[in-house]
Protein backbone atom coordinates (compact mmCIF):
# COMPACT_ATOMS: atom_id res chain seq x y z
CA MET A 1 117.19 69.95 81.07
CA PRO A 2 114.77 72.78 80.51
CA VAL A 3 111.71 71.52 78.98
CA GLU A 4 109.75 74.00 76.49
CA VAL A 5 105.87 74.11 76.34
CA PHE A 6 104.15 75.71 73.10
CA TYR A 7 100.92 76.76 74.26
CA ASP A 8 98.26 79.79 73.32
CA VAL A 9 96.17 81.68 75.63
CA LEU A 10 93.17 80.90 72.62
CA CYS A 11 93.53 77.31 72.75
CA PRO A 12 91.35 75.72 75.43
CA TRP A 13 93.14 72.04 75.66
CA CYS A 14 96.04 74.74 76.57
CA TYR A 15 94.20 75.97 79.30
CA VAL A 16 93.63 72.12 80.24
CA GLY A 17 97.37 71.02 79.63
CA LYS A 18 98.82 73.82 81.87
CA ARG A 19 96.58 72.70 84.87
CA ARG A 20 98.09 69.31 84.22
CA LEU A 21 101.01 70.18 83.81
CA ASP A 22 100.71 72.24 87.16
CA GLU A 23 99.89 68.86 89.04
CA ALA A 24 102.80 67.00 87.47
CA LEU A 25 105.02 69.69 88.55
CA ALA A 26 103.75 68.84 92.34
CA ARG A 27 104.88 65.50 92.22
CA ARG A 28 108.16 66.16 89.68
CA PRO A 29 109.88 69.80 89.64
CA ALA A 30 111.20 71.03 86.23
CA LYS A 31 112.61 74.14 84.48
CA LEU A 32 109.86 75.32 82.04
CA ARG A 33 110.57 77.53 78.99
CA TRP A 34 107.50 78.71 77.68
CA ARG A 35 106.97 79.33 74.21
CA ALA A 36 104.33 81.43 72.48
CA PHE A 37 102.06 80.31 69.48
CA ASN A 38 100.28 81.18 66.91
CA LEU A 39 96.90 79.73 67.02
CA ILE A 40 94.74 81.74 64.83
CA PRO A 41 97.14 83.82 62.41
CA GLY A 42 95.32 86.66 61.19
CA ALA A 43 93.50 87.54 64.22
CA ARG A 44 92.51 90.53 64.90
CA ARG A 45 92.01 92.69 68.37
CA GLU A 46 87.95 93.11 67.57
CA PRO A 47 86.32 89.96 68.53
CA ALA A 48 85.42 87.59 66.02
CA GLY A 49 83.35 84.90 66.00
CA THR A 50 82.69 81.80 68.61
CA VAL A 51 85.26 78.89 69.04
CA PRO A 52 82.12 76.66 67.88
CA GLU A 53 81.73 78.87 64.66
CA ALA A 54 85.66 78.58 64.44
CA MET A 55 85.59 74.62 64.76
CA ALA A 56 82.90 74.25 62.37
CA ALA A 57 85.52 75.64 59.89
CA TYR A 58 87.49 72.12 60.19
CA LEU A 59 84.90 69.68 62.02
CA ALA A 60 81.30 68.63 60.00
CA PRO A 61 78.62 70.57 62.11
CA GLU A 62 77.21 67.09 63.92
CA GLN A 63 80.95 66.46 65.49
CA VAL A 64 81.17 70.38 66.80
CA PRO A 65 78.76 69.70 70.06
CA GLY A 66 80.39 66.44 70.77
CA ARG A 67 83.86 68.02 70.89
CA ILE A 68 82.70 70.86 73.03
CA ALA A 69 81.25 68.29 75.18
CA VAL A 70 84.16 66.50 75.68
CA ILE A 71 86.40 70.02 76.56
CA HIS A 72 84.10 70.96 78.62
CA ALA A 73 84.22 67.74 80.44
CA THR A 74 87.74 67.48 80.38
CA GLY A 75 88.25 71.12 82.30
CA ALA A 76 85.60 70.72 84.67
CA GLU A 77 87.89 67.88 86.22
CA LEU A 78 90.19 69.51 86.94
CA GLY A 79 88.41 72.45 88.23
CA LEU A 80 87.99 74.73 85.13
CA ASP A 81 84.88 76.28 84.25
CA ILE A 82 85.19 76.18 80.35
CA ASP A 83 82.19 78.10 78.50
CA LEU A 84 83.48 77.76 74.21
CA PRO A 85 80.15 79.09 72.93
CA GLY A 86 80.67 82.27 74.77
CA THR A 87 83.89 82.66 73.82
CA ARG A 88 85.42 84.65 70.67
CA GLN A 89 88.33 84.77 68.51
CA VAL A 90 90.84 87.50 69.37
CA THR A 91 94.45 88.12 68.63
CA SER A 92 96.32 86.95 71.36
CA PHE A 93 99.51 88.82 70.38
CA ASP A 94 99.66 91.23 73.10
CA ALA A 95 98.84 88.87 75.49
CA HIS A 96 102.04 87.28 74.67
CA ARG A 97 103.72 89.94 75.34
CA LEU A 98 102.12 90.83 78.66
CA LEU A 99 103.20 87.18 79.69
CA LYS A 100 106.66 87.88 78.75
CA LEU A 101 107.12 91.08 80.81
CA ALA A 102 104.73 88.44 83.57
CA ALA A 103 107.94 85.97 83.30
CA ASP A 104 110.95 88.77 83.96
CA HIS A 105 108.77 89.34 86.85
CA GLY A 106 108.04 86.11 87.89
CA ARG A 107 104.57 86.43 87.80
CA MET A 108 103.84 84.32 84.45
CA ASP A 109 101.99 81.72 86.06
CA ALA A 110 99.57 83.87 88.04
CA VAL A 111 98.95 86.20 84.88
CA MET A 112 98.73 83.06 82.57
CA ASP A 113 95.70 81.73 85.06
CA ALA A 114 94.11 84.92 85.24
CA MET A 115 94.25 85.18 81.05
CA TYR A 116 92.78 81.77 80.38
CA ARG A 117 89.94 82.02 82.87
CA ALA A 118 89.47 85.69 81.86
CA HIS A 119 89.15 84.18 78.54
CA PHE A 120 87.07 80.84 78.83
CA THR A 121 84.95 81.64 82.13
CA GLU A 122 84.66 85.45 82.05
CA HIS A 123 84.77 85.80 78.38
CA ARG A 124 86.64 89.42 78.69
CA VAL A 125 88.74 90.52 75.47
CA ILE A 126 92.09 89.69 75.79
CA SER A 127 93.39 91.55 72.68
CA ASP A 128 92.02 94.59 74.60
CA PRO A 129 94.64 96.59 76.59
CA ALA A 130 92.45 97.97 79.42
CA VAL A 131 91.72 94.49 79.58
CA LEU A 132 95.35 93.15 79.60
CA ALA A 133 96.84 96.20 81.89
CA GLU A 134 93.88 95.13 84.35
CA LEU A 135 94.64 91.23 84.49
CA GLY A 136 98.89 92.51 84.94
CA ALA A 137 97.51 94.57 87.65
CA ASP A 138 95.08 92.18 89.52
CA THR A 139 98.20 89.47 89.34
CA GLY A 140 100.73 91.31 91.01
CA LEU A 141 102.60 93.62 87.51
CA ASP A 142 102.72 97.57 88.33
CA ARG A 143 99.94 99.14 86.13
CA ALA A 144 102.22 101.92 84.88
CA GLU A 145 104.70 99.40 83.84
CA VAL A 146 101.90 97.17 81.93
CA ALA A 147 100.73 100.37 80.46
CA ARG A 148 103.86 101.43 78.79
CA VAL A 149 104.64 97.83 77.64
CA LEU A 150 101.08 97.19 75.77
CA ASN A 151 101.49 101.04 74.57
CA SER A 152 105.13 99.60 72.86
CA MET A 153 106.62 96.96 70.65
CA GLU A 154 108.23 96.09 74.12
CA TYR A 155 109.02 92.02 73.86
CA THR A 156 107.46 91.41 70.06
CA ASP A 157 110.78 90.16 69.27
CA GLU A 158 110.73 87.60 71.95
CA VAL A 159 107.28 86.40 71.01
CA LEU A 160 108.18 86.21 67.24
CA ALA A 161 111.44 84.49 68.11
CA ASP A 162 108.97 81.80 70.09
CA PHE A 163 106.81 81.83 66.81
CA HIS A 164 110.22 80.72 64.84
CA ARG A 165 111.25 78.52 67.29
CA ALA A 166 107.82 76.66 67.04
CA ALA A 167 108.11 76.27 63.51
CA GLU A 168 111.65 75.49 63.22
CA ALA A 169 111.13 72.91 65.87
CA GLY A 170 107.80 71.48 63.46
CA VAL A 171 105.34 72.17 66.02
CA ARG A 172 102.03 72.38 64.46
CA MET A 173 99.60 71.94 67.39
CA VAL A 174 99.09 73.11 70.88
CA PRO A 175 99.55 72.32 73.73
CA SER A 176 103.10 70.70 72.74
CA ILE A 177 106.09 70.14 74.73
CA ILE A 178 109.74 69.37 73.59
CA ALA A 179 111.80 68.16 76.06
CA GLY A 180 115.32 66.99 75.52
CA SER A 181 116.72 65.79 72.43
CA GLY A 182 113.66 64.60 70.83
CA GLY A 183 110.44 66.23 69.17
CA PRO A 184 107.52 68.00 70.08
CA GLN A 185 104.85 65.76 71.46
CA PRO A 186 101.38 66.64 72.91
CA LEU A 187 100.93 67.60 76.11
CA LEU A 188 98.67 64.51 77.02
CA ARG A 189 100.43 63.23 80.29
CA PRO A 190 103.24 65.39 81.74
CA VAL A 191 104.09 63.19 84.43
CA ASP A 192 105.52 60.75 81.78
CA VAL A 193 107.13 63.69 79.98
CA LEU A 194 108.74 65.51 82.86
CA ALA A 195 110.01 61.37 83.70
CA GLY A 196 111.67 61.29 80.39
CA ALA A 197 113.12 65.02 80.48
CA ALA A 198 114.95 63.73 84.23
CA LYS A 199 116.97 60.65 82.67
CA ASN A 200 117.96 63.33 79.55
């Protein structure tokens, strides 16, 4: 039974969740359906505030450093170099469209990993079509096809359908996962979730 994974490449916990999911899949293969999620409605292509500045909008100021430290440490345990103070907020809509193209070519995993690294480690602007075109080409996609897609509205309907599915399923945070007939749950222990899906 397919497992739905709701994510946004702007979410550091989604980066962590994907790495944990990769490890779980190595032990228990499963068919995944990646679902785009709109973590920051209204975000624009032009970089805005940093992640710590965004956290300060919903956390007490004294809580922000601790939350950042937890994310950095958790990422490091999994071999991920996450640097939130240098990460800026942008729209991920075109990034999701590129990932849909990558999925059609069997390259989604590679492109997603490259996109997370570009955003959270290299601090590249993943809303910039030139950056997305380079990421796509560097991970095996045809540069001309990537440019054509990014200069069109291709895959817009597919991304919006994922947003609608998230709302319909009651997904309000990412990373979230739906396996079988259950509702969304946090992607905390992928092995347990995949084991449950195998029983359905």
